[in-house]
PDB file of N, CA and C in Angstrom:
ATOM      1  N   MET A   1    -137.910  68.859  14.933  1.00  0.00           N
ATOM      2  CA  MET A   1    -137.364  67.543  15.221  1.00  0.00           C
ATOM      3  C   MET A   1    -135.994  67.372  14.582  1.00  0.00           C
ATOM      4  N   ALA A   2    -135.863  67.877  13.351  1.00  0.00           N
ATOM      5  CA  ALA A   2    -134.590  67.713  12.649  1.00  0.00           C
ATOM      6  C   ALA A   2    -133.449  68.365  13.420  1.00  0.00           C
ATOM      7  N   LEU A   3    -133.706  69.527  14.004  1.00  0.00           N
ATOM      8  CA  LEU A   3    -132.655  70.200  14.770  1.00  0.00           C
ATOM      9  C   LEU A   3    -132.279  69.395  16.012  1.00  0.00           C
ATOM     10  N   GLY A   4    -133.245  68.738  16.639  1.00  0.00           N
ATOM     11  CA  GLY A   4    -132.952  67.855  17.766  1.00  0.00           C
ATOM     12  C   GLY A   4    -132.133  66.648  17.344  1.00  0.00           C
ATOM     13  N   ILE A   5    -132.420  66.134  16.153  1.00  0.00           N
ATOM     14  CA  ILE A   5    -131.649  65.003  15.625  1.00  0.00           C
ATOM     15  C   ILE A   5    -130.215  65.430  15.359  1.00  0.00           C
ATOM     16  N   ILE A   6    -130.032  66.625  14.793  1.00  0.00           N
ATOM     17  CA  ILE A   6    -128.675  67.132  14.558  1.00  0.00           C
ATOM     18  C   ILE A   6    -127.911  67.199  15.873  1.00  0.00           C
ATOM     19  N   LYS A   7    -128.553  67.736  16.911  1.00  0.00           N
ATOM     20  CA  LYS A   7    -127.904  67.836  18.226  1.00  0.00           C
ATOM     21  C   LYS A   7    -127.554  66.459  18.776  1.00  0.00           C
ATOM     22  N   ALA A   8    -128.503  65.516  18.710  1.00  0.00           N
ATOM     23  CA  ALA A   8    -128.264  64.164  19.243  1.00  0.00           C
ATOM     24  C   ALA A   8    -127.136  63.459  18.490  1.00  0.00           C
ATOM     25  N   LEU A   9    -127.121  63.591  17.169  1.00  0.00           N
ATOM     26  CA  LEU A   9    -126.052  62.965  16.391  1.00  0.00           C
ATOM     27  C   LEU A   9    -124.700  63.584  16.714  1.00  0.00           C
ATOM     28  N   HIS A  10    -124.663  64.896  16.863  1.00  0.00           N
ATOM     29  CA  HIS A  10    -123.427  65.585  17.228  1.00  0.00           C
ATOM     30  C   HIS A  10    -122.912  65.072  18.573  1.00  0.00           C
ATOM     31  N   GLU A  11    -123.813  64.914  19.553  1.00  0.00           N
ATOM     32  CA  GLU A  11    -123.426  64.414  20.874  1.00  0.00           C
ATOM     33  C   GLU A  11    -122.864  63.003  20.808  1.00  0.00           C
ATOM     34  N   ARG A  12    -123.231  62.254  19.780  1.00  0.00           N
ATOM     35  CA  ARG A  12    -122.739  60.878  19.617  1.00  0.00           C
ATOM     36  C   ARG A  12    -121.568  60.789  18.644  1.00  0.00           C
ATOM     37  N   GLY A  13    -121.042  61.953  18.261  1.00  0.00           N
ATOM     38  CA  GLY A  13    -119.840  61.976  17.428  1.00  0.00           C
ATOM     39  C   GLY A  13    -120.085  61.755  15.948  1.00  0.00           C
ATOM     40  N   ARG A  14    -121.336  61.799  15.511  1.00  0.00           N
ATOM     41  CA  ARG A  14    -121.645  61.643  14.078  1.00  0.00           C
ATOM     42  C   ARG A  14    -121.537  62.993  13.392  1.00  0.00           C
ATOM     43  N   ARG A  15    -120.980  62.981  12.181  1.00  0.00           N
ATOM     44  CA  ARG A  15    -120.795  64.221  11.427  1.00  0.00           C
ATOM     45  C   ARG A  15    -121.919  64.392  10.414  1.00  0.00           C
ATOM     46  N   ILE A  16    -122.427  65.613  10.339  1.00  0.00           N
ATOM     47  CA  ILE A  16    -123.484  65.940   9.387  1.00  0.00           C
ATOM     48  C   ILE A  16    -122.891  66.953   8.420  1.00  0.00           C
ATOM     49  N   PRO A  17    -122.915  66.724   7.166  1.00  0.00           N
ATOM     50  CA  PRO A  17    -123.581  65.670   6.420  1.00  0.00           C
ATOM     51  C   PRO A  17    -122.666  64.508   6.041  1.00  0.00           C
ATOM     52  N   GLU A  18    -121.418  64.503   6.530  1.00  0.00           N
ATOM     53  CA  GLU A  18    -120.482  63.463   6.106  1.00  0.00           C
ATOM     54  C   GLU A  18    -120.960  62.056   6.435  1.00  0.00           C
ATOM     55  N   ASP A  19    -121.515  61.848   7.648  1.00  0.00           N
ATOM     56  CA  ASP A  19    -121.999  60.535   8.062  1.00  0.00           C
ATOM     57  C   ASP A  19    -123.498  60.363   7.817  1.00  0.00           C
ATOM     58  N   VAL A  20    -124.266  61.433   8.071  1.00  0.00           N
ATOM     59  CA  VAL A  20    -125.723  61.372   7.971  1.00  0.00           C
ATOM     60  C   VAL A  20    -126.230  62.687   7.378  1.00  0.00           C
ATOM     61  N   SER A  21    -127.120  62.591   6.390  1.00  0.00           N
ATOM     62  CA  SER A  21    -127.795  63.775   5.864  1.00  0.00           C
ATOM     63  C   SER A  21    -129.121  63.950   6.596  1.00  0.00           C
ATOM     64  N   ILE A  22    -129.472  65.196   6.900  1.00  0.00           N
ATOM     65  CA  ILE A  22    -130.706  65.507   7.617  1.00  0.00           C
ATOM     66  C   ILE A  22    -131.510  66.508   6.791  1.00  0.00           C
ATOM     67  N   VAL A  23    -132.812  66.225   6.628  1.00  0.00           N
ATOM     68  CA  VAL A  23    -133.731  67.140   5.944  1.00  0.00           C
ATOM     69  C   VAL A  23    -134.934  67.357   6.851  1.00  0.00           C
ATOM     70  N   GLY A  24    -135.311  68.609   7.022  1.00  0.00           N
ATOM     71  CA  GLY A  24    -136.471  68.948   7.833  1.00  0.00           C
ATOM     72  C   GLY A  24    -137.649  69.349   6.961  1.00  0.00           C
ATOM     73  N   PHE A  25    -138.749  69.689   7.628  1.00  0.00           N
ATOM     74  CA  PHE A  25    -139.940  70.160   6.920  1.00  0.00           C
ATOM     75  C   PHE A  25    -140.549  71.297   7.710  1.00  0.00           C
ATOM     76  N   ASP A  26    -140.589  72.437   7.138  1.00  0.00           N
ATOM     77  CA  ASP A  26    -141.283  73.651   7.588  1.00  0.00           C
ATOM     78  C   ASP A  26    -140.439  74.894   7.411  1.00  0.00           C
ATOM     79  N   ASP A  27    -139.129  74.752   7.275  1.00  0.00           N
ATOM     80  CA  ASP A  27    -138.225  75.878   7.033  1.00  0.00           C
ATOM     81  C   ASP A  27    -138.456  77.015   8.014  1.00  0.00           C
ATOM     82  N   MET A  28    -138.465  76.666   9.312  1.00  0.00           N
ATOM     83  CA  MET A  28    -138.625  77.724  10.313  1.00  0.00           C
ATOM     84  C   MET A  28    -137.459  78.700  10.213  1.00  0.00           C
ATOM     85  N   ALA A  29    -137.662  79.898  10.693  1.00  0.00           N
ATOM     86  CA  ALA A  29    -136.681  80.976  10.522  1.00  0.00           C
ATOM     87  C   ALA A  29    -135.284  80.599  11.012  1.00  0.00           C
ATOM     88  N   GLU A  30    -135.187  79.794  12.044  1.00  0.00           N
ATOM     89  CA  GLU A  30    -133.888  79.433  12.617  1.00  0.00           C
ATOM     90  C   GLU A  30    -133.144  78.372  11.818  1.00  0.00           C
ATOM     91  N   SER A  31    -133.788  77.759  10.842  1.00  0.00           N
ATOM     92  CA  SER A  31    -133.189  76.636  10.122  1.00  0.00           C
ATOM     93  C   SER A  31    -131.839  76.961   9.503  1.00  0.00           C
ATOM     94  N   ASP A  32    -131.675  78.186   9.013  1.00  0.00           N
ATOM     95  CA  ASP A  32    -130.396  78.520   8.385  1.00  0.00           C
ATOM     96  C   ASP A  32    -129.394  79.107   9.374  1.00  0.00           C
ATOM     97  N   SER A  33    -129.763  79.202  10.659  1.00  0.00           N
ATOM     98  CA  SER A  33    -128.871  79.768  11.669  1.00  0.00           C
ATOM     99  C   SER A  33    -128.131  78.708  12.473  1.00  0.00           C
ATOM    100  N   PHE A  34    -128.555  77.440  12.367  1.00  0.00           N
ATOM    101  CA  PHE A  34    -127.897  76.359  13.104  1.00  0.00           C
ATOM    102  C   PHE A  34    -126.703  75.840  12.318  1.00  0.00           C
ATOM    103  N   TRP A  35    -125.855  75.056  12.995  1.00  0.00           N
ATOM    104  CA  TRP A  35    -124.732  74.457  12.286  1.00  0.00           C
ATOM    105  C   TRP A  35    -124.870  72.955  12.309  1.00  0.00           C
ATOM    106  N   PRO A  36    -124.863  72.321  11.159  1.00  0.00           N
ATOM    107  CA  PRO A  36    -124.891  72.988   9.858  1.00  0.00           C
ATOM    108  C   PRO A  36    -126.296  73.518   9.560  1.00  0.00           C
ATOM    109  N   PRO A  37    -126.383  74.550   8.703  1.00  0.00           N
ATOM    110  CA  PRO A  37    -127.705  75.045   8.312  1.00  0.00           C
ATOM    111  C   PRO A  37    -128.544  73.899   7.739  1.00  0.00           C
ATOM    112  N   LEU A  38    -129.818  73.840   8.136  1.00  0.00           N
ATOM    113  CA  LEU A  38    -130.685  72.703   7.837  1.00  0.00           C
ATOM    114  C   LEU A  38    -131.320  72.791   6.455  1.00  0.00           C
ATOM    115  N   THR A  39    -131.121  71.742   5.654  1.00  0.00           N
ATOM    116  CA  THR A  39    -131.860  71.582   4.405  1.00  0.00           C
ATOM    117  C   THR A  39    -133.294  71.253   4.796  1.00  0.00           C
ATOM    118  N   THR A  40    -134.251  71.927   4.179  1.00  0.00           N
ATOM    119  CA  THR A  40    -135.629  71.754   4.613  1.00  0.00           C
ATOM    120  C   THR A  40    -136.613  72.028   3.484  1.00  0.00           C
ATOM    121  N   VAL A  41    -137.787  71.454   3.606  1.00  0.00           N
ATOM    122  CA  VAL A  41    -138.868  71.723   2.659  1.00  0.00           C
ATOM    123  C   VAL A  41    -139.569  72.996   3.124  1.00  0.00           C
ATOM    124  N   HIS A  42    -139.692  73.951   2.213  1.00  0.00           N
ATOM    125  CA  HIS A  42    -140.330  75.226   2.535  1.00  0.00           C
ATOM    126  C   HIS A  42    -141.738  75.259   1.962  1.00  0.00           C
ATOM    127  N   GLN A  43    -142.694  75.664   2.783  1.00  0.00           N
ATOM    128  CA  GLN A  43    -144.073  75.865   2.367  1.00  0.00           C
ATOM    129  C   GLN A  43    -144.544  77.173   2.970  1.00  0.00           C
ATOM    130  N   ASP A  44    -145.353  77.910   2.249  1.00  0.00           N
ATOM    131  CA  ASP A  44    -145.882  79.172   2.761  1.00  0.00           C
ATOM    132  C   ASP A  44    -147.052  78.856   3.682  1.00  0.00           C
ATOM    133  N   PHE A  45    -146.807  78.896   4.997  1.00  0.00           N
ATOM    134  CA  PHE A  45    -147.833  78.511   5.954  1.00  0.00           C
ATOM    135  C   PHE A  45    -148.947  79.539   6.073  1.00  0.00           C
ATOM    136  N   ASP A  46    -148.717  80.760   5.600  1.00  0.00           N
ATOM    137  CA  ASP A  46    -149.821  81.722   5.524  1.00  0.00           C
ATOM    138  C   ASP A  46    -150.861  81.224   4.522  1.00  0.00           C
ATOM    139  N   ILE A  47    -150.392  80.694   3.391  1.00  0.00           N
ATOM    140  CA  ILE A  47    -151.305  80.142   2.378  1.00  0.00           C
ATOM    141  C   ILE A  47    -151.995  78.896   2.919  1.00  0.00           C
ATOM    142  N   VAL A  48    -151.254  78.044   3.627  1.00  0.00           N
ATOM    143  CA  VAL A  48    -151.846  76.846   4.231  1.00  0.00           C
ATOM    144  C   VAL A  48    -152.980  77.250   5.169  1.00  0.00           C
ATOM    145  N   GLY A  49    -152.739  78.225   6.026  1.00  0.00           N
ATOM    146  CA  GLY A  49    -153.765  78.682   6.953  1.00  0.00           C
ATOM    147  C   GLY A  49    -154.958  79.302   6.243  1.00  0.00           C
ATOM    148  N   GLN A  50    -154.679  80.109   5.228  1.00  0.00           N
ATOM    149  CA  GLN A  50    -155.762  80.755   4.488  1.00  0.00           C
ATOM    150  C   GLN A  50    -156.640  79.720   3.801  1.00  0.00           C
ATOM    151  N   ARG A  51    -156.033  78.752   3.120  1.00  0.00           N
ATOM    152  CA  ARG A  51    -156.819  77.724   2.434  1.00  0.00           C
ATOM    153  C   ARG A  51    -157.589  76.854   3.421  1.00  0.00           C
ATOM    154  N   SER A  52    -156.979  76.548   4.552  1.00  0.00           N
ATOM    155  CA  SER A  52    -157.663  75.750   5.570  1.00  0.00           C
ATOM    156  C   SER A  52    -158.887  76.487   6.099  1.00  0.00           C
ATOM    157  N   PHE A  53    -158.734  77.782   6.347  1.00  0.00           N
ATOM    158  CA  PHE A  53    -159.849  78.577   6.835  1.00  0.00           C
ATOM    159  C   PHE A  53    -160.972  78.638   5.800  1.00  0.00           C
ATOM    160  N   GLU A  54    -160.605  78.823   4.532  1.00  0.00           N
ATOM    161  CA  GLU A  54    -161.611  78.881   3.466  1.00  0.00           C
ATOM    162  C   GLU A  54    -162.403  77.574   3.375  1.00  0.00           C
ATOM    163  N   ILE A  55    -161.717  76.441   3.494  1.00  0.00           N
ATOM    164  CA  ILE A  55    -162.388  75.139   3.427  1.00  0.00           C
ATOM    165  C   ILE A  55    -163.299  74.963   4.642  1.00  0.00           C
ATOM    166  N   LEU A  56    -162.816  75.329   5.828  1.00  0.00           N
ATOM    167  CA  LEU A  56    -163.629  75.230   7.041  1.00  0.00           C
ATOM    168  C   LEU A  56    -164.872  76.109   6.930  1.00  0.00           C
ATOM    169  N   LEU A  57    -164.702  77.335   6.486  1.00  0.00           N
ATOM    170  CA  LEU A  57    -165.832  78.248   6.338  1.00  0.00           C
ATOM    171  C   LEU A  57    -166.850  77.696   5.339  1.00  0.00           C
ATOM    172  N   GLU A  58    -166.377  77.131   4.239  1.00  0.00           N
ATOM    173  CA  GLU A  58    -167.265  76.516   3.244  1.00  0.00           C
ATOM    174  C   GLU A  58    -168.058  75.370   3.867  1.00  0.00           C
ATOM    175  N   GLN A  59    -167.389  74.557   4.674  1.00  0.00           N
ATOM    176  CA  GLN A  59    -168.064  73.432   5.314  1.00  0.00           C
ATOM    177  C   GLN A  59    -169.117  73.915   6.309  1.00  0.00           C
ATOM    178  N   ILE A  60    -168.820  74.974   7.039  1.00  0.00           N
ATOM    179  CA  ILE A  60    -169.790  75.523   7.994  1.00  0.00           C
ATOM    180  C   ILE A  60    -170.994  76.079   7.248  1.00  0.00           C
ATOM    181  N   GLU A  61    -170.728  76.797   6.168  1.00  0.00           N
ATOM    182  CA  GLU A  61    -171.811  77.443   5.423  1.00  0.00           C
ATOM    183  C   GLU A  61    -172.694  76.458   4.667  1.00  0.00           C
ATOM    184  N   THR A  62    -172.084  75.410   4.095  1.00  0.00           N
ATOM    185  CA  THR A  62    -172.850  74.476   3.259  1.00  0.00           C
ATOM    186  C   THR A  62    -173.281  73.223   4.004  1.00  0.00           C
ATOM    187  N   GLY A  63    -172.609  72.908   5.102  1.00  0.00           N
ATOM    188  CA  GLY A  63    -172.913  71.674   5.826  1.00  0.00           C
ATOM    189  C   GLY A  63    -172.358  70.440   5.152  1.00  0.00           C
ATOM    190  N   SER A  64    -171.585  70.623   4.094  1.00  0.00           N
ATOM    191  CA  SER A  64    -171.005  69.472   3.404  1.00  0.00           C
ATOM    192  C   SER A  64    -169.487  69.489   3.540  1.00  0.00           C
ATOM    193  N   VAL A  65    -168.912  68.311   3.416  1.00  0.00           N
ATOM    194  CA  VAL A  65    -167.468  68.143   3.543  1.00  0.00           C
ATOM    195  C   VAL A  65    -166.869  68.015   2.152  1.00  0.00           C
ATOM    196  N   ARG A  66    -165.852  68.819   1.896  1.00  0.00           N
ATOM    197  CA  ARG A  66    -165.148  68.740   0.617  1.00  0.00           C
ATOM    198  C   ARG A  66    -164.162  67.577   0.671  1.00  0.00           C
ATOM    199  N   HIS A  67    -164.189  66.746  -0.366  1.00  0.00           N
ATOM    200  CA  HIS A  67    -163.243  65.635  -0.466  1.00  0.00           C
ATOM    201  C   HIS A  67    -162.232  65.962  -1.556  1.00  0.00           C
ATOM    202  N   GLY A  68    -161.052  65.504  -1.377  1.00  0.00           N
ATOM    203  CA  GLY A  68    -160.032  65.744  -2.380  1.00  0.00           C
ATOM    204  C   GLY A  68    -158.787  66.340  -1.758  1.00  0.00           C
ATOM    205  N   PHE A  69    -157.976  66.888  -2.620  1.00  0.00           N
ATOM    206  CA  PHE A  69    -156.671  67.391  -2.223  1.00  0.00           C
ATOM    207  C   PHE A  69    -156.579  68.872  -2.549  1.00  0.00           C
ATOM    208  N   THR A  70    -156.105  69.644  -1.613  1.00  0.00           N
ATOM    209  CA  THR A  70    -155.828  71.050  -1.845  1.00  0.00           C
ATOM    210  C   THR A  70    -154.334  71.245  -1.645  1.00  0.00           C
ATOM    211  N   GLY A  71    -153.630  71.496  -2.728  1.00  0.00           N
ATOM    212  CA  GLY A  71    -152.177  71.591  -2.657  1.00  0.00           C
ATOM    213  C   GLY A  71    -151.686  72.996  -2.378  1.00  0.00           C
ATOM    214  N   VAL A  72    -150.537  73.061  -1.772  1.00  0.00           N
ATOM    215  CA  VAL A  72    -149.827  74.316  -1.553  1.00  0.00           C
ATOM    216  C   VAL A  72    -148.413  74.104  -2.086  1.00  0.00           C
ATOM    217  N   PRO A  73    -147.942  75.007  -2.945  1.00  0.00           N
ATOM    218  CA  PRO A  73    -146.598  74.830  -3.508  1.00  0.00           C
ATOM    219  C   PRO A  73    -145.531  74.703  -2.420  1.00  0.00           C
ATOM    220  N   ALA A  74    -144.540  73.899  -2.695  1.00  0.00           N
ATOM    221  CA  ALA A  74    -143.417  73.711  -1.776  1.00  0.00           C
ATOM    222  C   ALA A  74    -142.134  73.638  -2.589  1.00  0.00           C
ATOM    223  N   HIS A  75    -141.022  73.968  -1.947  1.00  0.00           N
ATOM    224  CA  HIS A  75    -139.727  73.797  -2.600  1.00  0.00           C
ATOM    225  C   HIS A  75    -138.687  73.387  -1.560  1.00  0.00           C
ATOM    226  N   LEU A  76    -137.624  72.794  -2.038  1.00  0.00           N
ATOM    227  CA  LEU A  76    -136.559  72.322  -1.167  1.00  0.00           C
ATOM    228  C   LEU A  76    -135.520  73.422  -1.014  1.00  0.00           C
ATOM    229  N   ALA A  77    -135.300  73.861   0.224  1.00  0.00           N
ATOM    230  CA  ALA A  77    -134.262  74.843   0.532  1.00  0.00           C
ATOM    231  C   ALA A  77    -133.006  74.058   0.901  1.00  0.00           C
ATOM    232  N   VAL A  78    -132.095  73.909  -0.058  1.00  0.00           N
ATOM    233  CA  VAL A  78    -130.894  73.089   0.146  1.00  0.00           C
ATOM    234  C   VAL A  78    -129.845  73.898   0.895  1.00  0.00           C
ATOM    235  N   ARG A  79    -129.404  73.345   2.026  1.00  0.00           N
ATOM    236  CA  ARG A  79    -128.375  73.981   2.822  1.00  0.00           C
ATOM    237  C   ARG A  79    -127.286  72.927   3.116  1.00  0.00           C
ATOM    238  N   GLN A  80    -126.521  73.109   4.171  1.00  0.00           N
ATOM    239  CA  GLN A  80    -125.363  72.235   4.388  1.00  0.00           C
ATOM    240  C   GLN A  80    -125.605  70.981   5.216  1.00  0.00           C
ATOM    241  N   SER A  81    -126.848  70.627   5.544  1.00  0.00           N
ATOM    242  CA  SER A  81    -127.085  69.427   6.348  1.00  0.00           C
ATOM    243  C   SER A  81    -127.255  68.174   5.487  1.00  0.00           C
ATOM    244  N   THR A  82    -127.081  68.307   4.179  1.00  0.00           N
ATOM    245  CA  THR A  82    -127.192  67.154   3.286  1.00  0.00           C
ATOM    246  C   THR A  82    -125.965  67.065   2.385  1.00  0.00           C
ATOM    247  N   ALA A  83    -125.628  65.827   2.048  1.00  0.00           N
ATOM    248  CA  ALA A  83    -124.525  65.570   1.116  1.00  0.00           C
ATOM    249  C   ALA A  83    -125.109  64.963  -0.153  1.00  0.00           C
ATOM    250  N   ARG A  84    -124.350  64.975  -1.190  1.00  0.00           N
ATOM    251  CA  ARG A  84    -124.805  64.384  -2.458  1.00  0.00           C
ATOM    252  C   ARG A  84    -124.919  62.889  -2.331  1.00  0.00           C
TER     253      ARG A  84
END
């Protein structure tokens, strides 16, 4: 979505990051190849998938639903789509 917003703002003459800062979430491989390169939150989706599968398998095996939060580390990949 963030890349679509960058395109739409560019078409309307808005400058990124001078006029608007854009931050995405997922850090897809193309994020650093667009202009400007997209600042984005990076998460290891292999770990997300693995933990999700483990929780699902546990629920199937036990018949009970786990409540709570299962976190996956994330970090901000700062690129040129944001200004200070």
